[in-house]
């Protein structure tokens, strides 16, 4: 099934139902296919498990958000450490 973006906005519940029933839905913008709506193959009711990354997140550089100076930019671009 192919539908326009405007139709997709108006018919989203029906399109989701069609995809759930196994019918791929292609959404087109000005006649050009841009997105395929397909059923998720791994339907899972598992809730995210909080704490699974505990101890695995490593803060590399506490100043990562600060702007780089010219020397740091040169090092990054030229691959020198």
PDB file of N, CA and C in Angstrom:
ATOM      1  N   UNK A   1       0.853  -1.179   0.000  1.00  0.00           N
ATOM      2  CA  UNK A   1       0.000   0.000   0.000  1.00  0.00           C
ATOM      3  C   UNK A   1       0.897   1.239   0.000  1.00  0.00           C
ATOM      4  N   UNK A   2       0.565   2.210  -0.854  1.00  0.00           N
ATOM      5  CA  UNK A   2       1.314   3.472  -0.882  1.00  0.00           C
ATOM      6  C   UNK A   2       0.363   4.604  -0.546  1.00  0.00           C
ATOM      7  N   UNK A   3       0.811   5.485   0.347  1.00  0.00           N
ATOM      8  CA  UNK A   3      -0.010   6.634   0.722  1.00  0.00           C
ATOM      9  C   UNK A   3       0.855   7.885   0.768  1.00  0.00           C
ATOM     10  N   UNK A   4       0.215   9.031   0.621  1.00  0.00           N
ATOM     11  CA  UNK A   4       0.941  10.298   0.718  1.00  0.00           C
ATOM     12  C   UNK A   4       1.134  10.650   2.189  1.00  0.00           C
ATOM     13  N   UNK A   5       2.022  11.583   2.455  1.00  0.00           N
ATOM     14  CA  UNK A   5       2.244  12.040   3.826  1.00  0.00           C
ATOM     15  C   UNK A   5       0.935  12.578   4.411  1.00  0.00           C
ATOM     16  N   UNK A   6       0.187  13.335   3.620  1.00  0.00           N
ATOM     17  CA  UNK A   6      -1.083  13.894   4.101  1.00  0.00           C
ATOM     18  C   UNK A   6      -2.058  12.780   4.472  1.00  0.00           C
ATOM     19  N   UNK A   7      -2.163  11.762   3.618  1.00  0.00           N
ATOM     20  CA  UNK A   7      -3.043  10.628   3.929  1.00  0.00           C
ATOM     21  C   UNK A   7      -2.557   9.905   5.174  1.00  0.00           C
ATOM     22  N   UNK A   8      -1.247   9.764   5.302  1.00  0.00           N
ATOM     23  CA  UNK A   8      -0.691   9.055   6.448  1.00  0.00           C
ATOM     24  C   UNK A   8      -1.062   9.764   7.746  1.00  0.00           C
ATOM     25  N   UNK A   9      -1.044  11.100   7.717  1.00  0.00           N
ATOM     26  CA  UNK A   9      -1.427  11.861   8.910  1.00  0.00           C
ATOM     27  C   UNK A   9      -2.866  11.558   9.298  1.00  0.00           C
ATOM     28  N   UNK A  10      -3.721  11.483   8.298  1.00  0.00           N
ATOM     29  CA  UNK A  10      -5.148  11.285   8.560  1.00  0.00           C
ATOM     30  C   UNK A  10      -5.513   9.840   8.857  1.00  0.00           C
ATOM     31  N   UNK A  11      -4.690   8.909   8.369  1.00  0.00           N
ATOM     32  CA  UNK A  11      -5.056   7.493   8.454  1.00  0.00           C
ATOM     33  C   UNK A  11      -4.082   6.669   9.288  1.00  0.00           C
ATOM     34  N   UNK A  12      -3.309   7.299  10.141  1.00  0.00           N
ATOM     35  CA  UNK A  12      -2.268   6.565  10.859  1.00  0.00           C
ATOM     36  C   UNK A  12      -2.782   5.320  11.583  1.00  0.00           C
ATOM     37  N   UNK A  13      -3.879   5.404  12.324  1.00  0.00           N
ATOM     38  CA  UNK A  13      -4.351   4.183  13.000  1.00  0.00           C
ATOM     39  C   UNK A  13      -4.609   3.029  12.023  1.00  0.00           C
ATOM     40  N   UNK A  14      -5.221   3.327  10.864  1.00  0.00           N
ATOM     41  CA  UNK A  14      -5.491   2.287   9.872  1.00  0.00           C
ATOM     42  C   UNK A  14      -4.187   1.745   9.283  1.00  0.00           C
ATOM     43  N   UNK A  15      -3.220   2.644   9.072  1.00  0.00           N
ATOM     44  CA  UNK A  15      -1.948   2.213   8.492  1.00  0.00           C
ATOM     45  C   UNK A  15      -1.199   1.314   9.460  1.00  0.00           C
ATOM     46  N   UNK A  16      -1.234   1.667  10.738  1.00  0.00           N
ATOM     47  CA  UNK A  16      -0.578   0.836  11.753  1.00  0.00           C
ATOM     48  C   UNK A  16      -1.235  -0.539  11.782  1.00  0.00           C
ATOM     49  N   UNK A  17      -2.559  -0.572  11.707  1.00  0.00           N
ATOM     50  CA  UNK A  17      -3.289  -1.842  11.714  1.00  0.00           C
ATOM     51  C   UNK A  17      -2.897  -2.679  10.496  1.00  0.00           C
ATOM     52  N   UNK A  18      -2.817  -2.036   9.332  1.00  0.00           N
ATOM     53  CA  UNK A  18      -2.433  -2.750   8.115  1.00  0.00           C
ATOM     54  C   UNK A  18      -1.031  -3.340   8.268  1.00  0.00           C
ATOM     55  N   UNK A  19      -0.098  -2.542   8.816  1.00  0.00           N
ATOM     56  CA  UNK A  19       1.278  -3.015   9.010  1.00  0.00           C
ATOM     57  C   UNK A  19       1.296  -4.168  10.009  1.00  0.00           C
ATOM     58  N   UNK A  20       0.489  -4.061  11.075  1.00  0.00           N
ATOM     59  CA  UNK A  20       0.408  -5.137  12.065  1.00  0.00           C
ATOM     60  C   UNK A  20      -0.108  -6.421  11.425  1.00  0.00           C
ATOM     61  N   UNK A  21      -0.987  -6.278  10.440  1.00  0.00           N
ATOM     62  CA  UNK A  21      -1.551  -7.441   9.750  1.00  0.00           C
ATOM     63  C   UNK A  21      -0.605  -7.975   8.676  1.00  0.00           C
ATOM     64  N   UNK A  22       0.582  -7.369   8.573  1.00  0.00           N
ATOM     65  CA  UNK A  22       1.591  -7.883   7.646  1.00  0.00           C
ATOM     66  C   UNK A  22       1.655  -7.179   6.311  1.00  0.00           C
ATOM     67  N   UNK A  23       0.869  -6.123   6.127  1.00  0.00           N
ATOM     68  CA  UNK A  23       0.906  -5.394   4.859  1.00  0.00           C
ATOM     69  C   UNK A  23       1.869  -4.214   4.963  1.00  0.00           C
ATOM     70  N   UNK A  24       2.972  -4.251   4.205  1.00  0.00           N
ATOM     71  CA  UNK A  24       3.894  -3.113   4.257  1.00  0.00           C
ATOM     72  C   UNK A  24       3.220  -1.851   3.708  1.00  0.00           C
ATOM     73  N   UNK A  25       3.474  -0.743   4.371  1.00  0.00           N
ATOM     74  CA  UNK A  25       2.891   0.530   3.965  1.00  0.00           C
ATOM     75  C   UNK A  25       4.036   1.469   3.604  1.00  0.00           C
ATOM     76  N   UNK A  26       4.001   2.028   2.414  1.00  0.00           N
ATOM     77  CA  UNK A  26       5.022   2.975   1.985  1.00  0.00           C
ATOM     78  C   UNK A  26       4.422   4.365   1.965  1.00  0.00           C
ATOM     79  N   UNK A  27       5.065   5.279   2.689  1.00  0.00           N
ATOM     80  CA  UNK A  27       4.603   6.664   2.715  1.00  0.00           C
ATOM     81  C   UNK A  27       5.442   7.457   1.713  1.00  0.00           C
ATOM     82  N   UNK A  28       4.747   8.173   0.838  1.00  0.00           N
ATOM     83  CA  UNK A  28       5.420   8.917  -0.227  1.00  0.00           C
ATOM     84  C   UNK A  28       5.273  10.413  -0.021  1.00  0.00           C
ATOM     85  N   UNK A  29       6.332  11.130  -0.362  1.00  0.00           N
ATOM     86  CA  UNK A  29       6.282  12.593  -0.360  1.00  0.00           C
ATOM     87  C   UNK A  29       6.392  13.040  -1.814  1.00  0.00           C
ATOM     88  N   UNK A  30       5.367  13.704  -2.300  1.00  0.00           N
ATOM     89  CA  UNK A  30       5.311  14.142  -3.697  1.00  0.00           C
ATOM     90  C   UNK A  30       5.589  12.973  -4.650  1.00  0.00           C
ATOM     91  N   UNK A  31       4.990  11.816  -4.328  1.00  0.00           N
ATOM     92  CA  UNK A  31       5.111  10.653  -5.197  1.00  0.00           C
ATOM     93  C   UNK A  31       6.379   9.847  -5.018  1.00  0.00           C
ATOM     94  N   UNK A  32       7.295  10.324  -4.174  1.00  0.00           N
ATOM     95  CA  UNK A  32       8.559   9.617  -3.970  1.00  0.00           C
ATOM     96  C   UNK A  32       8.505   8.862  -2.637  1.00  0.00           C
ATOM     97  N   UNK A  33       8.692   7.536  -2.664  1.00  0.00           N
ATOM     98  CA  UNK A  33       8.675   6.770  -1.419  1.00  0.00           C
ATOM     99  C   UNK A  33       9.759   7.259  -0.458  1.00  0.00           C
ATOM    100  N   UNK A  34       9.368   7.541   0.786  1.00  0.00           N
ATOM    101  CA  UNK A  34      10.340   8.033   1.760  1.00  0.00           C
ATOM    102  C   UNK A  34      10.432   7.162   3.011  1.00  0.00           C
ATOM    103  N   UNK A  35       9.321   6.507   3.386  1.00  0.00           N
ATOM    104  CA  UNK A  35       9.319   5.717   4.618  1.00  0.00           C
ATOM    105  C   UNK A  35       8.488   4.456   4.405  1.00  0.00           C
ATOM    106  N   UNK A  36       9.014   3.330   4.888  1.00  0.00           N
ATOM    107  CA  UNK A  36       8.228   2.101   4.903  1.00  0.00           C
ATOM    108  C   UNK A  36       7.770   1.841   6.323  1.00  0.00           C
ATOM    109  N   UNK A  37       6.485   1.581   6.469  1.00  0.00           N
ATOM    110  CA  UNK A  37       5.918   1.239   7.771  1.00  0.00           C
ATOM    111  C   UNK A  37       5.706  -0.266   7.746  1.00  0.00           C
ATOM    112  N   UNK A  38       6.471  -0.975   8.564  1.00  0.00           N
ATOM    113  CA  UNK A  38       6.348  -2.431   8.605  1.00  0.00           C
ATOM    114  C   UNK A  38       6.204  -2.896  10.045  1.00  0.00           C
ATOM    115  N   UNK A  39       5.655  -4.085  10.208  1.00  0.00           N
ATOM    116  CA  UNK A  39       5.456  -4.624  11.541  1.00  0.00           C
ATOM    117  C   UNK A  39       6.796  -4.923  12.193  1.00  0.00           C
ATOM    118  N   UNK A  40       6.906  -4.622  13.470  1.00  0.00           N
ATOM    119  CA  UNK A  40       8.112  -4.952  14.205  1.00  0.00           C
ATOM    120  C   UNK A  40       8.196  -6.463  14.310  1.00  0.00           C
ATOM    121  N   UNK A  41       9.358  -7.018  13.988  1.00  0.00           N
ATOM    122  CA  UNK A  41       9.467  -8.471  13.963  1.00  0.00           C
ATOM    123  C   UNK A  41       9.717  -9.051  15.344  1.00  0.00           C
ATOM    124  N   UNK A  42      10.351  -8.285  16.217  1.00  0.00           N
ATOM    125  CA  UNK A  42      10.618  -8.807  17.556  1.00  0.00           C
ATOM    126  C   UNK A  42       9.691  -8.125  18.545  1.00  0.00           C
ATOM    127  N   UNK A  43       8.449  -8.518  18.524  1.00  0.00           N
ATOM    128  CA  UNK A  43       7.481  -7.956  19.468  1.00  0.00           C
ATOM    129  C   UNK A  43       7.868  -8.428  20.862  1.00  0.00           C
ATOM    130  N   UNK A  44       8.109  -7.483  21.748  1.00  0.00           N
ATOM    131  CA  UNK A  44       8.569  -7.840  23.078  1.00  0.00           C
ATOM    132  C   UNK A  44       7.874  -6.964  24.098  1.00  0.00           C
ATOM    133  N   UNK A  45       7.453  -7.585  25.171  1.00  0.00           N
ATOM    134  CA  UNK A  45       6.819  -6.826  26.243  1.00  0.00           C
ATOM    135  C   UNK A  45       7.785  -6.558  27.381  1.00  0.00           C
ATOM    136  N   UNK A  46       9.059  -6.860  27.171  1.00  0.00           N
ATOM    137  CA  UNK A  46      10.042  -6.646  28.236  1.00  0.00           C
ATOM    138  C   UNK A  46      10.149  -5.174  28.559  1.00  0.00           C
ATOM    139  N   UNK A  47      10.155  -4.881  29.833  1.00  0.00           N
ATOM    140  CA  UNK A  47      10.362  -3.503  30.269  1.00  0.00           C
ATOM    141  C   UNK A  47      11.874  -3.260  30.301  1.00  0.00           C
ATOM    142  N   UNK A  48      12.295  -2.019  30.046  1.00  0.00           N
ATOM    143  CA  UNK A  48      13.730  -1.732  30.148  1.00  0.00           C
ATOM    144  C   UNK A  48      14.213  -2.070  31.556  1.00  0.00           C
ATOM    145  N   UNK A  49      15.376  -2.655  31.622  1.00  0.00           N
ATOM    146  CA  UNK A  49      15.922  -3.006  32.927  1.00  0.00           C
ATOM    147  C   UNK A  49      16.860  -1.894  33.379  1.00  0.00           C
ATOM    148  N   UNK A  50      16.435  -1.168  34.389  1.00  0.00           N
ATOM    149  CA  UNK A  50      17.257  -0.072  34.877  1.00  0.00           C
ATOM    150  C   UNK A  50      18.429  -0.632  35.670  1.00  0.00           C
ATOM    151  N   UNK A  51      19.562   0.014  35.534  1.00  0.00           N
ATOM    152  CA  UNK A  51      20.739  -0.415  36.283  1.00  0.00           C
ATOM    153  C   UNK A  51      21.625  -1.363  35.495  1.00  0.00           C
ATOM    154  N   UNK A  52      21.225  -1.722  34.272  1.00  0.00           N
ATOM    155  CA  UNK A  52      22.030  -2.688  33.525  1.00  0.00           C
ATOM    156  C   UNK A  52      23.342  -2.069  33.037  1.00  0.00           C
ATOM    157  N   UNK A  53      23.404  -0.747  32.970  1.00  0.00           N
ATOM    158  CA  UNK A  53      24.650  -0.100  32.555  1.00  0.00           C
ATOM    159  C   UNK A  53      25.464   0.389  33.749  1.00  0.00           C
ATOM    160  N   UNK A  54      24.993   0.085  34.948  1.00  0.00           N
ATOM    161  CA  UNK A  54      25.695   0.554  36.140  1.00  0.00           C
ATOM    162  C   UNK A  54      27.139   0.050  36.105  1.00  0.00           C
ATOM    163  N   UNK A  55      28.074   0.981  36.271  1.00  0.00           N
ATOM    164  CA  UNK A  55      29.480   0.603  36.281  1.00  0.00           C
ATOM    165  C   UNK A  55      30.081   0.523  34.894  1.00  0.00           C
ATOM    166  N   UNK A  56      29.262   0.621  33.852  1.00  0.00           N
ATOM    167  CA  UNK A  56      29.780   0.509  32.489  1.00  0.00           C
ATOM    168  C   UNK A  56      29.944   1.869  31.825  1.00  0.00           C
ATOM    169  N   UNK A  57      29.320   2.886  32.399  1.00  0.00           N
ATOM    170  CA  UNK A  57      29.429   4.218  31.811  1.00  0.00           C
ATOM    171  C   UNK A  57      30.668   4.881  32.389  1.00  0.00           C
ATOM    172  N   UNK A  58      31.601   5.179  31.507  1.00  0.00           N
ATOM    173  CA  UNK A  58      32.867   5.745  31.960  1.00  0.00           C
ATOM    174  C   UNK A  58      32.954   7.184  31.464  1.00  0.00           C
ATOM    175  N   UNK A  59      33.193   8.098  32.372  1.00  0.00           N
ATOM    176  CA  UNK A  59      33.338   9.498  31.985  1.00  0.00           C
ATOM    177  C   UNK A  59      34.774   9.687  31.518  1.00  0.00           C
ATOM    178  N   UNK A  60      34.921   9.945  30.235  1.00  0.00           N
ATOM    179  CA  UNK A  60      36.250  10.035  29.654  1.00  0.00           C
ATOM    180  C   UNK A  60      36.889  11.383  29.952  1.00  0.00           C
ATOM    181  N   UNK A  61      36.154  12.447  29.707  1.00  0.00           N
ATOM    182  CA  UNK A  61      36.706  13.781  29.886  1.00  0.00           C
ATOM    183  C   UNK A  61      35.627  14.674  30.485  1.00  0.00           C
ATOM    184  N   UNK A  62      35.779  15.071  31.740  1.00  0.00           N
ATOM    185  CA  UNK A  62      34.738  15.884  32.371  1.00  0.00           C
ATOM    186  C   UNK A  62      34.533  17.233  31.679  1.00  0.00           C
ATOM    187  N   UNK A  63      35.492  17.669  30.856  1.00  0.00           N
ATOM    188  CA  UNK A  63      35.375  18.957  30.169  1.00  0.00           C
ATOM    189  C   UNK A  63      34.962  18.790  28.705  1.00  0.00           C
ATOM    190  N   UNK A  64      34.344  17.641  28.358  1.00  0.00           N
ATOM    191  CA  UNK A  64      34.023  17.353  26.957  1.00  0.00           C
ATOM    192  C   UNK A  64      33.146  18.418  26.316  1.00  0.00           C
ATOM    193  N   UNK A  65      32.354  19.105  27.112  1.00  0.00           N
ATOM    194  CA  UNK A  65      31.388  20.061  26.582  1.00  0.00           C
ATOM    195  C   UNK A  65      32.002  21.429  26.325  1.00  0.00           C
ATOM    196  N   UNK A  66      33.202  21.666  26.816  1.00  0.00           N
ATOM    197  CA  UNK A  66      33.821  22.988  26.639  1.00  0.00           C
ATOM    198  C   UNK A  66      34.365  23.122  25.217  1.00  0.00           C
ATOM    199  N   UNK A  67      34.341  24.334  24.673  1.00  0.00           N
ATOM    200  CA  UNK A  67      34.884  24.530  23.319  1.00  0.00           C
ATOM    201  C   UNK A  67      36.363  24.169  23.277  1.00  0.00           C
ATOM    202  N   UNK A  68      36.803  23.628  22.141  1.00  0.00           N
ATOM    203  CA  UNK A  68      38.217  23.278  21.991  1.00  0.00           C
ATOM    204  C   UNK A  68      39.014  24.519  21.617  1.00  0.00           C
ATOM    205  N   UNK A  69      40.270  24.557  22.049  1.00  0.00           N
ATOM    206  CA  UNK A  69      41.135  25.631  21.586  1.00  0.00           C
ATOM    207  C   UNK A  69      41.724  25.228  20.235  1.00  0.00           C
ATOM    208  N   UNK A  70      42.416  26.149  19.569  1.00  0.00           N
ATOM    209  CA  UNK A  70      42.927  25.890  18.223  1.00  0.00           C
ATOM    210  C   UNK A  70      43.856  24.683  18.183  1.00  0.00           C
ATOM    211  N   UNK A  71      44.691  24.546  19.211  1.00  0.00           N
ATOM    212  CA  UNK A  71      45.646  23.431  19.247  1.00  0.00           C
ATOM    213  C   UNK A  71      44.907  22.087  19.320  1.00  0.00           C
ATOM    214  N   UNK A  72      43.850  22.028  20.138  1.00  0.00           N
ATOM    215  CA  UNK A  72      43.069  20.792  20.263  1.00  0.00           C
ATOM    216  C   UNK A  72      42.352  20.451  18.957  1.00  0.00           C
ATOM    217  N   UNK A  73      41.862  21.486  18.259  1.00  0.00           N
ATOM    218  CA  UNK A  73      41.204  21.257  16.978  1.00  0.00           C
ATOM    219  C   UNK A  73      42.211  20.700  15.978  1.00  0.00           C
ATOM    220  N   UNK A  74      43.406  21.283  15.931  1.00  0.00           N
ATOM    221  CA  UNK A  74      44.444  20.787  15.029  1.00  0.00           C
ATOM    222  C   UNK A  74      44.775  19.333  15.331  1.00  0.00           C
ATOM    223  N   UNK A  75      44.899  18.989  16.629  1.00  0.00           N
ATOM    224  CA  UNK A  75      45.200  17.614  17.015  1.00  0.00           C
ATOM    225  C   UNK A  75      44.102  16.661  16.548  1.00  0.00           C
ATOM    226  N   UNK A  76      42.855  17.083  16.723  1.00  0.00           N
ATOM    227  CA  UNK A  76      41.728  16.246  16.335  1.00  0.00           C
ATOM    228  C   UNK A  76      41.725  16.017  14.809  1.00  0.00           C
ATOM    229  N   UNK A  77      41.903  17.098  14.063  1.00  0.00           N
ATOM    230  CA  UNK A  77      41.829  16.998  12.604  1.00  0.00           C
ATOM    231  C   UNK A  77      43.031  16.292  11.997  1.00  0.00           C
ATOM    232  N   UNK A  78      44.201  16.455  12.622  1.00  0.00           N
ATOM    233  CA  UNK A  78      45.417  15.885  12.049  1.00  0.00           C
ATOM    234  C   UNK A  78      45.788  14.540  12.669  1.00  0.00           C
ATOM    235  N   UNK A  79      45.050  14.110  13.666  1.00  0.00           N
ATOM    236  CA  UNK A  79      45.284  12.800  14.271  1.00  0.00           C
ATOM    237  C   UNK A  79      46.495  12.738  15.152  1.00  0.00           C
ATOM    238  N   UNK A  80      47.007  13.873  15.626  1.00  0.00           N
ATOM    239  CA  UNK A  80      48.171  13.866  16.520  1.00  0.00           C
ATOM    240  C   UNK A  80      47.686  13.947  17.962  1.00  0.00           C
ATOM    241  N   UNK A  81      48.403  13.279  18.842  1.00  0.00           N
ATOM    242  CA  UNK A  81      48.009  13.306  20.257  1.00  0.00           C
ATOM    243  C   UNK A  81      49.066  14.006  21.071  1.00  0.00           C
TER     244      UNK A  81
END
